[in-house]
Amino acid sequence: MVEIRYFAAIADAVGKDRETLDLPVGATVADLRSTLSASYGADLDKMLAVCAYLVGDELTRDPEAALTPRVDVLPPFAGG
């Protein structure tokens, strides 16, 4: 089980700020994107492609990064 936390535009797109998904051990960011696209539609994949993923303590865009028990999905943020 992986807890997924959504922020900003991604949270708006999926209609929630978190959910728990039953992903296999060894699942990657690419697996997560595929699962979310299947659940929420292909338009979400376009958004996920530009997101960063906080996996453990590492911020990554690497689709081969292995998931940890909690992953944050972070869209690009504007402003400063």
C-alpha atoms as a PDB file:
ATOM      1  CA  MET A   1       0.000   0.000   0.000  1.00  0.00           C
ATOM      2  CA  VAL A   2       1.247   3.449  -0.924  1.00  0.00           C
ATOM      3  CA  GLU A   3      -0.199   6.683   0.446  1.00  0.00           C
ATOM      4  CA  ILE A   4      -0.356   9.272  -2.324  1.00  0.00           C
ATOM      5  CA  ARG A   5      -0.672  12.929  -1.354  1.00  0.00           C
ATOM      6  CA  TYR A   6      -1.761  15.429  -4.011  1.00  0.00           C
ATOM      7  CA  PHE A   7      -1.110  19.158  -4.017  1.00  0.00           C
ATOM      8  CA  ALA A   8      -2.461  22.217  -5.850  1.00  0.00           C
ATOM      9  CA  ALA A   9      -3.716  21.550  -9.412  1.00  0.00           C
ATOM     10  CA  ILE A  10      -3.288  17.782  -9.110  1.00  0.00           C
ATOM     11  CA  ALA A  11      -5.473  17.696  -5.997  1.00  0.00           C
ATOM     12  CA  ASP A  12      -8.089  19.692  -7.892  1.00  0.00           C
ATOM     13  CA  ALA A  13      -7.877  17.347 -10.898  1.00  0.00           C
ATOM     14  CA  VAL A  14      -8.391  14.164  -8.855  1.00  0.00           C
ATOM     15  CA  GLY A  15     -10.835  15.761  -6.424  1.00  0.00           C
ATOM     16  CA  LYS A  16      -8.979  14.801  -3.246  1.00  0.00           C
ATOM     17  CA  ASP A  17      -5.776  15.572  -1.396  1.00  0.00           C
ATOM     18  CA  ARG A  18      -4.769  11.969  -0.644  1.00  0.00           C
ATOM     19  CA  GLU A  19      -5.564   8.344  -1.261  1.00  0.00           C
ATOM     20  CA  THR A  20      -4.045   4.945  -0.644  1.00  0.00           C
ATOM     21  CA  LEU A  21      -3.268   2.703  -3.595  1.00  0.00           C
ATOM     22  CA  ASP A  22      -2.486  -0.986  -3.632  1.00  0.00           C
ATOM     23  CA  LEU A  23       0.704  -0.983  -5.697  1.00  0.00           C
ATOM     24  CA  PRO A  24       3.128  -3.913  -5.751  1.00  0.00           C
ATOM     25  CA  VAL A  25       6.483  -3.876  -3.977  1.00  0.00           C
ATOM     26  CA  GLY A  26       9.039  -2.413  -6.362  1.00  0.00           C
ATOM     27  CA  ALA A  27       6.508  -0.189  -8.155  1.00  0.00           C
ATOM     28  CA  THR A  28       7.981   2.932  -9.757  1.00  0.00           C
ATOM     29  CA  VAL A  29       6.900   6.491 -10.495  1.00  0.00           C
ATOM     30  CA  ALA A  30       6.023   5.251 -14.012  1.00  0.00           C
ATOM     31  CA  ASP A  31       3.745   2.589 -12.481  1.00  0.00           C
ATOM     32  CA  LEU A  32       2.085   5.234 -10.324  1.00  0.00           C
ATOM     33  CA  ARG A  33       1.500   7.509 -13.332  1.00  0.00           C
ATOM     34  CA  SER A  34       0.037   4.612 -15.300  1.00  0.00           C
ATOM     35  CA  THR A  35      -2.300   3.670 -12.449  1.00  0.00           C
ATOM     36  CA  LEU A  36      -3.458   7.259 -11.960  1.00  0.00           C
ATOM     37  CA  SER A  37      -4.000   7.801 -15.689  1.00  0.00           C
ATOM     38  CA  ALA A  38      -6.095   4.641 -15.864  1.00  0.00           C
ATOM     39  CA  SER A  39      -8.185   5.836 -12.920  1.00  0.00           C
ATOM     40  CA  TYR A  40      -8.560   9.520 -13.790  1.00  0.00           C
ATOM     41  CA  GLY A  41      -8.084   9.709 -17.566  1.00  0.00           C
ATOM     42  CA  ALA A  42      -5.400  10.490 -20.098  1.00  0.00           C
ATOM     43  CA  ASP A  43      -5.626  14.242 -19.493  1.00  0.00           C
ATOM     44  CA  LEU A  44      -4.230  13.680 -16.007  1.00  0.00           C
ATOM     45  CA  ASP A  45      -1.149  11.999 -17.503  1.00  0.00           C
ATOM     46  CA  LYS A  46      -0.245  15.275 -19.233  1.00  0.00           C
ATOM     47  CA  MET A  47      -0.259  16.965 -15.842  1.00  0.00           C
ATOM     48  CA  LEU A  48       1.644  14.118 -14.174  1.00  0.00           C
ATOM     49  CA  ALA A  49       4.367  14.357 -16.831  1.00  0.00           C
ATOM     50  CA  VAL A  50       5.414  17.786 -15.540  1.00  0.00           C
ATOM     51  CA  CYS A  51       5.081  16.956 -11.842  1.00  0.00           C
ATOM     52  CA  ALA A  52       7.852  16.238  -9.382  1.00  0.00           C
ATOM     53  CA  TYR A  53       7.473  13.356  -6.959  1.00  0.00           C
ATOM     54  CA  LEU A  54       8.673  13.409  -3.376  1.00  0.00           C
ATOM     55  CA  VAL A  55       9.639   9.783  -2.813  1.00  0.00           C
ATOM     56  CA  GLY A  56      10.953   9.358   0.705  1.00  0.00           C
ATOM     57  CA  ASP A  57      13.296  12.320   1.124  1.00  0.00           C
ATOM     58  CA  GLU A  58      14.133  12.616  -2.573  1.00  0.00           C
ATOM     59  CA  LEU A  59      12.459  14.950  -5.040  1.00  0.00           C
ATOM     60  CA  THR A  60      12.521  13.264  -8.440  1.00  0.00           C
ATOM     61  CA  ARG A  61      11.098  13.242 -11.938  1.00  0.00           C
ATOM     62  CA  ASP A  62      12.767   9.899 -12.726  1.00  0.00           C
ATOM     63  CA  PRO A  63      10.078   7.465 -13.929  1.00  0.00           C
ATOM     64  CA  GLU A  64      12.211   4.536 -12.726  1.00  0.00           C
ATOM     65  CA  ALA A  65      12.417   5.783  -9.117  1.00  0.00           C
ATOM     66  CA  ALA A  66      11.037   3.146  -6.755  1.00  0.00           C
ATOM     67  CA  LEU A  67       8.083   4.229  -4.637  1.00  0.00           C
ATOM     68  CA  THR A  68       8.174   4.441  -0.849  1.00  0.00           C
ATOM     69  CA  PRO A  69       5.182   4.025   1.501  1.00  0.00           C
ATOM     70  CA  ARG A  70       4.285   7.699   0.959  1.00  0.00           C
ATOM     71  CA  VAL A  71       4.663   9.714  -2.249  1.00  0.00           C
ATOM     72  CA  ASP A  72       3.795  13.381  -2.750  1.00  0.00           C
ATOM     73  CA  VAL A  73       2.738  14.506  -6.227  1.00  0.00           C
ATOM     74  CA  LEU A  74       3.847  18.106  -6.736  1.00  0.00           C
ATOM     75  CA  PRO A  75       2.840  20.094  -9.821  1.00  0.00           C
ATOM     76  CA  PRO A  76       4.987  23.024 -10.898  1.00  0.00           C
ATOM     77  CA  PHE A  77       4.412  26.015  -8.627  1.00  0.00           C
ATOM     78  CA  ALA A  78       4.460  29.613  -9.823  1.00  0.00           C
ATOM     79  CA  GLY A  79       5.392  32.659  -7.846  1.00  0.00           C
ATOM     80  CA  GLY A  80       8.042  33.193  -5.288  1.00  0.00           C
END
